[in-house]
C-alpha cells in the first residue's frame, strides 16, 4: 500500500503565506512526478504545480511568482510554499505522485487539505 499524507493547510488572511507538505509512505520503489492540485467549490480540480524527479517545475499561470514547489527525494516528500495568497487561492489542495511499486507504476492522491484565504 501507498499513502500520501498532506499537512499545512489552514486559514490565512490575503497576503499571507502557508507551506504545504505531502509525505509518501509504504512499499515504494521509485517516485516520479509529484504535484499539487486544487479544487475550489463548484469548480474542477486543477493543476497548481508539479515537479519532476530531476527538479524541473511547472506552474499554473495564476500562481507563477507566488508559489514554489520543491521536493526532498530522500524523504519522499513534496512541498508547496504559497506566498502572497489571494482569496481565489481558496480550495482543497491535493497532493499527487506517480509511484512505482514492484513492476507497477500508478498515480496516487492524498486526502486533501483545506486552504482558506480571507479578504
N, C-alpha and C. Protein backbone atom coordinates (compact mmCIF):
# COMPACT_ATOMS: atom_id res chain seq x y z
N UNK A 1 0.84 -1.19 0.00
CA UNK A 1 0.00 0.00 0.00
C UNK A 1 0.88 1.24 0.00
N UNK A 2 0.33 2.30 -0.57
CA UNK A 2 0.99 3.60 -0.58
C UNK A 2 0.05 4.63 0.01
N UNK A 3 0.58 5.49 0.83
CA UNK A 3 -0.20 6.59 1.38
C UNK A 3 0.49 7.91 1.12
N UNK A 4 -0.30 8.91 0.77
CA UNK A 4 0.18 10.29 0.68
C UNK A 4 -0.53 11.08 1.76
N UNK A 5 0.23 11.67 2.65
CA UNK A 5 -0.36 12.39 3.77
C UNK A 5 0.04 13.86 3.69
N UNK A 6 -0.97 14.70 3.55
CA UNK A 6 -0.74 16.14 3.42
C UNK A 6 -0.87 16.82 4.77
N UNK A 7 -0.20 17.95 4.91
CA UNK A 7 -0.33 18.79 6.10
C UNK A 7 0.00 20.22 5.74
N UNK A 8 -0.42 21.15 6.60
CA UNK A 8 -0.04 22.55 6.43
C UNK A 8 -1.14 23.48 5.97
N UNK A 9 -2.31 22.95 5.68
CA UNK A 9 -3.40 23.83 5.29
C UNK A 9 -3.92 24.64 6.46
N UNK A 10 -4.84 25.55 6.17
CA UNK A 10 -5.42 26.35 7.24
C UNK A 10 -6.06 27.61 6.73
N UNK A 11 -6.34 28.51 7.66
CA UNK A 11 -6.97 29.80 7.36
C UNK A 11 -5.92 30.89 7.45
N UNK A 12 -5.86 31.73 6.44
CA UNK A 12 -4.87 32.82 6.41
C UNK A 12 -5.50 34.03 5.75
N UNK A 13 -5.03 35.20 6.13
CA UNK A 13 -5.52 36.42 5.51
C UNK A 13 -4.84 36.64 4.16
N UNK A 14 -5.51 37.36 3.29
CA UNK A 14 -4.92 37.70 2.00
C UNK A 14 -3.57 38.37 2.21
N UNK A 15 -2.61 37.96 1.38
CA UNK A 15 -1.24 38.46 1.50
C UNK A 15 -0.36 37.60 2.36
N UNK A 16 -0.95 36.66 3.07
CA UNK A 16 -0.19 35.78 3.95
C UNK A 16 0.42 34.61 3.23
N UNK A 17 1.03 33.72 4.00
CA UNK A 17 1.74 32.57 3.45
C UNK A 17 1.35 31.29 4.17
N UNK A 18 1.45 30.19 3.45
CA UNK A 18 1.29 28.86 4.01
C UNK A 18 2.27 27.94 3.30
N UNK A 19 2.66 26.88 4.01
CA UNK A 19 3.52 25.86 3.40
C UNK A 19 2.85 24.51 3.57
N UNK A 20 2.58 23.86 2.43
CA UNK A 20 2.00 22.53 2.43
C UNK A 20 3.09 21.49 2.29
N UNK A 21 2.88 20.35 2.95
CA UNK A 21 3.80 19.22 2.83
C UNK A 21 2.99 17.98 2.49
N UNK A 22 3.63 17.08 1.77
CA UNK A 22 3.00 15.81 1.43
C UNK A 22 4.07 14.73 1.46
N UNK A 23 3.88 13.76 2.36
CA UNK A 23 4.85 12.68 2.51
C UNK A 23 4.26 11.37 2.00
N UNK A 24 5.01 10.69 1.18
CA UNK A 24 4.61 9.38 0.67
C UNK A 24 5.23 8.29 1.52
N UNK A 25 4.44 7.26 1.81
CA UNK A 25 4.95 6.14 2.62
C UNK A 25 4.38 4.84 2.08
N UNK A 26 5.02 3.73 2.48
CA UNK A 26 4.58 2.43 2.02
C UNK A 26 5.68 1.74 1.23
N UNK A 27 5.28 0.74 0.48
CA UNK A 27 6.24 0.00 -0.34
C UNK A 27 6.45 0.78 -1.63
N UNK A 28 7.55 1.52 -1.69
CA UNK A 28 7.81 2.42 -2.81
C UNK A 28 9.16 2.08 -3.42
N UNK A 29 9.15 1.80 -4.72
CA UNK A 29 10.42 1.56 -5.41
C UNK A 29 10.98 2.87 -5.95
N UNK A 30 10.13 3.64 -6.61
CA UNK A 30 10.55 4.93 -7.16
C UNK A 30 9.36 5.88 -7.17
N UNK A 31 9.67 7.17 -7.02
CA UNK A 31 8.65 8.20 -7.18
C UNK A 31 9.04 9.06 -8.36
N UNK A 32 8.14 9.22 -9.28
CA UNK A 32 8.41 10.03 -10.46
C UNK A 32 7.87 11.43 -10.22
N UNK A 33 7.01 11.93 -11.07
CA UNK A 33 6.49 13.30 -10.88
C UNK A 33 5.66 13.40 -9.61
N UNK A 34 5.77 14.55 -8.96
CA UNK A 34 4.92 14.86 -7.81
C UNK A 34 4.30 16.22 -8.06
N UNK A 35 3.11 16.42 -7.53
CA UNK A 35 2.46 17.69 -7.81
C UNK A 35 1.37 18.04 -6.83
N UNK A 36 0.90 19.26 -6.97
CA UNK A 36 -0.22 19.76 -6.17
C UNK A 36 -1.34 20.22 -7.10
N UNK A 37 -2.54 19.82 -6.75
CA UNK A 37 -3.75 20.24 -7.45
C UNK A 37 -4.67 20.91 -6.43
N UNK A 38 -5.62 21.67 -6.92
CA UNK A 38 -6.59 22.26 -6.01
C UNK A 38 -7.98 22.24 -6.64
N UNK A 39 -8.96 22.24 -5.77
CA UNK A 39 -10.34 22.25 -6.23
C UNK A 39 -11.13 23.24 -5.38
N UNK A 40 -11.63 24.28 -6.04
CA UNK A 40 -12.47 25.26 -5.38
C UNK A 40 -13.92 24.79 -5.44
N UNK A 41 -14.76 25.27 -4.53
CA UNK A 41 -16.17 24.85 -4.55
C UNK A 41 -16.82 25.11 -5.90
N UNK A 42 -17.45 24.08 -6.43
CA UNK A 42 -18.15 24.22 -7.70
C UNK A 42 -17.27 24.23 -8.93
N UNK A 43 -15.98 23.99 -8.74
CA UNK A 43 -15.05 24.02 -9.88
C UNK A 43 -14.34 22.68 -10.02
N UNK A 44 -13.72 22.49 -11.18
CA UNK A 44 -12.98 21.27 -11.43
C UNK A 44 -11.61 21.34 -10.75
N UNK A 45 -11.07 20.17 -10.46
CA UNK A 45 -9.73 20.10 -9.90
C UNK A 45 -8.74 20.58 -10.96
N UNK A 46 -7.78 21.41 -10.55
CA UNK A 46 -6.83 21.96 -11.50
C UNK A 46 -5.40 21.80 -10.97
N UNK A 47 -4.48 21.72 -11.91
CA UNK A 47 -3.06 21.63 -11.54
C UNK A 47 -2.60 22.98 -11.01
N UNK A 48 -1.89 22.93 -9.88
CA UNK A 48 -1.26 24.13 -9.34
C UNK A 48 0.22 24.14 -9.72
N UNK A 49 0.91 23.05 -9.45
CA UNK A 49 2.33 22.95 -9.78
C UNK A 49 2.75 21.50 -9.74
N UNK A 50 3.75 21.15 -10.53
CA UNK A 50 4.33 19.82 -10.43
C UNK A 50 5.83 19.90 -10.59
N UNK A 51 6.49 18.80 -10.21
CA UNK A 51 7.95 18.77 -10.22
C UNK A 51 8.40 17.37 -10.57
N UNK A 52 9.38 17.29 -11.45
CA UNK A 52 9.90 16.00 -11.88
C UNK A 52 10.93 15.48 -10.88
N UNK A 53 11.37 14.26 -11.10
CA UNK A 53 12.39 13.67 -10.24
C UNK A 53 13.66 14.52 -10.24
N UNK A 54 13.96 15.08 -11.39
CA UNK A 54 15.17 15.88 -11.52
C UNK A 54 15.04 17.32 -11.06
N UNK A 55 13.81 17.71 -10.72
CA UNK A 55 13.62 19.06 -10.20
C UNK A 55 13.02 20.06 -11.17
N UNK A 56 12.68 19.62 -12.37
CA UNK A 56 12.02 20.54 -13.31
C UNK A 56 10.62 20.84 -12.82
N UNK A 57 10.24 22.11 -12.88
CA UNK A 57 8.95 22.53 -12.32
C UNK A 57 8.02 23.11 -13.39
N UNK A 58 6.75 23.08 -13.07
CA UNK A 58 5.71 23.60 -13.95
C UNK A 58 4.65 24.22 -13.05
N UNK A 59 4.19 25.43 -13.40
CA UNK A 59 3.22 26.13 -12.58
C UNK A 59 2.02 26.60 -13.39
N UNK A 60 0.87 26.65 -12.75
CA UNK A 60 -0.29 27.30 -13.35
C UNK A 60 0.02 28.79 -13.44
N UNK A 61 -0.48 29.42 -14.49
CA UNK A 61 -0.21 30.85 -14.67
C UNK A 61 -0.66 31.67 -13.47
N UNK A 62 -1.73 31.25 -12.84
CA UNK A 62 -2.32 32.03 -11.74
C UNK A 62 -1.45 32.05 -10.49
N UNK A 63 -0.47 31.15 -10.39
CA UNK A 63 0.35 31.09 -9.18
C UNK A 63 1.82 31.40 -9.44
N UNK A 64 2.19 31.59 -10.70
CA UNK A 64 3.59 31.88 -11.02
C UNK A 64 4.07 33.13 -10.28
N UNK A 65 5.25 33.00 -9.70
CA UNK A 65 5.82 34.12 -8.96
C UNK A 65 5.38 34.20 -7.52
N UNK A 66 4.37 33.41 -7.14
CA UNK A 66 3.88 33.43 -5.76
C UNK A 66 4.09 32.09 -5.05
N UNK A 67 3.97 31.00 -5.79
CA UNK A 67 4.09 29.66 -5.22
C UNK A 67 5.40 29.02 -5.68
N UNK A 68 5.96 28.19 -4.81
CA UNK A 68 7.17 27.45 -5.15
C UNK A 68 7.00 26.01 -4.73
N UNK A 69 7.19 25.10 -5.68
CA UNK A 69 7.13 23.67 -5.38
C UNK A 69 8.56 23.14 -5.25
N UNK A 70 8.75 22.23 -4.32
CA UNK A 70 10.06 21.61 -4.14
C UNK A 70 9.85 20.20 -3.62
N UNK A 71 10.90 19.40 -3.63
CA UNK A 71 10.79 18.03 -3.15
C UNK A 71 12.08 17.61 -2.47
N UNK A 72 11.92 16.69 -1.55
CA UNK A 72 13.06 16.06 -0.88
C UNK A 72 12.96 14.57 -1.19
N UNK A 73 13.76 14.12 -2.14
CA UNK A 73 13.65 12.73 -2.59
C UNK A 73 14.03 11.75 -1.48
N UNK A 74 14.93 12.13 -0.59
CA UNK A 74 15.33 11.25 0.50
C UNK A 74 14.18 11.01 1.48
N UNK A 75 13.28 11.99 1.56
CA UNK A 75 12.15 11.88 2.49
C UNK A 75 10.84 11.57 1.78
N UNK A 76 10.89 11.36 0.45
CA UNK A 76 9.67 11.09 -0.33
C UNK A 76 8.61 12.16 -0.07
N UNK A 77 9.04 13.40 -0.03
CA UNK A 77 8.15 14.49 0.36
C UNK A 77 8.19 15.61 -0.68
N UNK A 78 7.03 16.18 -0.92
CA UNK A 78 6.90 17.33 -1.80
C UNK A 78 6.30 18.48 -0.99
N UNK A 79 6.75 19.69 -1.28
CA UNK A 79 6.30 20.87 -0.56
C UNK A 79 5.71 21.89 -1.53
N UNK A 80 4.85 22.74 -1.01
CA UNK A 80 4.33 23.87 -1.77
C UNK A 80 4.36 25.09 -0.87
N UNK A 81 5.28 25.99 -1.15
CA UNK A 81 5.35 27.25 -0.43
C UNK A 81 4.45 28.25 -1.15
N UNK A 82 3.46 28.77 -0.42
CA UNK A 82 2.48 29.67 -1.02
C UNK A 82 2.61 31.04 -0.36
N UNK A 83 3.00 32.02 -1.14
CA UNK A 83 3.14 33.39 -0.65
C UNK A 83 2.14 34.31 -1.35
N UNK A 84 1.94 35.48 -0.77
CA UNK A 84 1.03 36.47 -1.36
C UNK A 84 -0.31 35.84 -1.71
N UNK A 85 -0.86 35.11 -0.77
CA UNK A 85 -2.10 34.37 -1.04
C UNK A 85 -3.26 35.32 -1.30
N UNK A 86 -4.14 34.86 -2.17
CA UNK A 86 -5.33 35.63 -2.57
C UNK A 86 -6.58 34.82 -2.23
N UNK A 87 -7.71 35.47 -2.06
CA UNK A 87 -8.95 34.73 -1.78
C UNK A 87 -9.26 33.68 -2.85
N UNK A 88 -8.88 33.94 -4.09
CA UNK A 88 -9.14 32.97 -5.16
C UNK A 88 -8.24 31.74 -5.07
N UNK A 89 -7.29 31.72 -4.16
CA UNK A 89 -6.48 30.53 -3.91
C UNK A 89 -7.19 29.55 -2.98
N UNK A 90 -8.33 29.94 -2.45
CA UNK A 90 -9.08 29.08 -1.54
C UNK A 90 -9.53 27.80 -2.23
N UNK A 91 -9.40 26.69 -1.53
CA UNK A 91 -9.84 25.41 -2.06
C UNK A 91 -9.22 24.27 -1.28
N UNK A 92 -9.54 23.06 -1.72
CA UNK A 92 -8.91 21.87 -1.15
C UNK A 92 -7.70 21.55 -2.03
N UNK A 93 -6.56 21.43 -1.41
CA UNK A 93 -5.31 21.14 -2.11
C UNK A 93 -4.97 19.66 -1.97
N UNK A 94 -4.74 19.03 -3.11
CA UNK A 94 -4.44 17.60 -3.15
C UNK A 94 -3.03 17.36 -3.66
N UNK A 95 -2.36 16.45 -3.01
CA UNK A 95 -1.05 16.01 -3.45
C UNK A 95 -1.22 14.83 -4.41
N UNK A 96 -0.37 14.77 -5.41
CA UNK A 96 -0.38 13.66 -6.35
C UNK A 96 1.04 13.19 -6.60
N UNK A 97 1.21 11.89 -6.76
CA UNK A 97 2.53 11.36 -7.07
C UNK A 97 2.40 10.14 -7.96
N UNK A 98 3.29 10.02 -8.89
CA UNK A 98 3.39 8.82 -9.72
C UNK A 98 4.44 7.92 -9.10
N UNK A 99 4.01 6.76 -8.64
CA UNK A 99 4.85 5.89 -7.82
C UNK A 99 4.94 4.50 -8.41
N UNK A 100 6.14 3.97 -8.41
CA UNK A 100 6.33 2.59 -8.85
C UNK A 100 6.45 1.68 -7.64
N UNK A 101 5.62 0.64 -7.62
CA UNK A 101 5.69 -0.41 -6.63
C UNK A 101 5.90 -1.71 -7.38
N UNK A 102 7.02 -2.38 -7.12
CA UNK A 102 7.37 -3.58 -7.85
C UNK A 102 7.42 -3.24 -9.34
N UNK A 103 6.58 -3.86 -10.18
CA UNK A 103 6.63 -3.58 -11.61
C UNK A 103 5.52 -2.63 -12.06
N UNK A 104 4.72 -2.15 -11.12
CA UNK A 104 3.57 -1.33 -11.48
C UNK A 104 3.82 0.14 -11.16
N UNK A 105 3.41 1.01 -12.07
CA UNK A 105 3.51 2.45 -11.87
C UNK A 105 2.09 3.02 -11.89
N UNK A 106 1.72 3.72 -10.82
CA UNK A 106 0.37 4.26 -10.72
C UNK A 106 0.39 5.68 -10.17
N UNK A 107 -0.71 6.37 -10.34
CA UNK A 107 -0.88 7.72 -9.80
C UNK A 107 -1.65 7.62 -8.49
N UNK A 108 -1.13 8.27 -7.47
CA UNK A 108 -1.75 8.23 -6.15
C UNK A 108 -2.12 9.65 -5.71
N UNK A 109 -3.19 9.73 -4.90
CA UNK A 109 -3.67 11.01 -4.40
C UNK A 109 -3.70 11.02 -2.88
N UNK A 110 -3.45 12.18 -2.31
CA UNK A 110 -3.64 12.38 -0.90
C UNK A 110 -5.10 12.68 -0.61
N UNK A 111 -5.41 12.84 0.67
CA UNK A 111 -6.80 13.03 1.07
C UNK A 111 -7.26 14.48 0.93
N UNK A 112 -6.31 15.38 0.75
CA UNK A 112 -6.66 16.79 0.59
C UNK A 112 -6.52 17.58 1.87
N UNK A 113 -6.13 18.83 1.73
CA UNK A 113 -6.03 19.72 2.88
C UNK A 113 -6.66 21.06 2.50
N UNK A 114 -7.47 21.60 3.39
CA UNK A 114 -8.22 22.83 3.09
C UNK A 114 -7.33 24.06 3.27
N UNK A 115 -7.37 24.92 2.27
CA UNK A 115 -6.72 26.23 2.35
C UNK A 115 -7.79 27.29 2.17
N UNK A 116 -7.92 28.17 3.14
CA UNK A 116 -8.91 29.24 3.07
C UNK A 116 -8.20 30.57 3.23
N UNK A 117 -8.40 31.45 2.25
CA UNK A 117 -7.77 32.77 2.28
C UNK A 117 -8.88 33.81 2.43
N UNK A 118 -8.85 34.54 3.52
CA UNK A 118 -9.88 35.55 3.76
C UNK A 118 -9.44 36.91 3.22
N UNK A 119 -10.42 37.69 2.79
CA UNK A 119 -10.10 39.00 2.21
C UNK A 119 -10.08 40.07 3.28
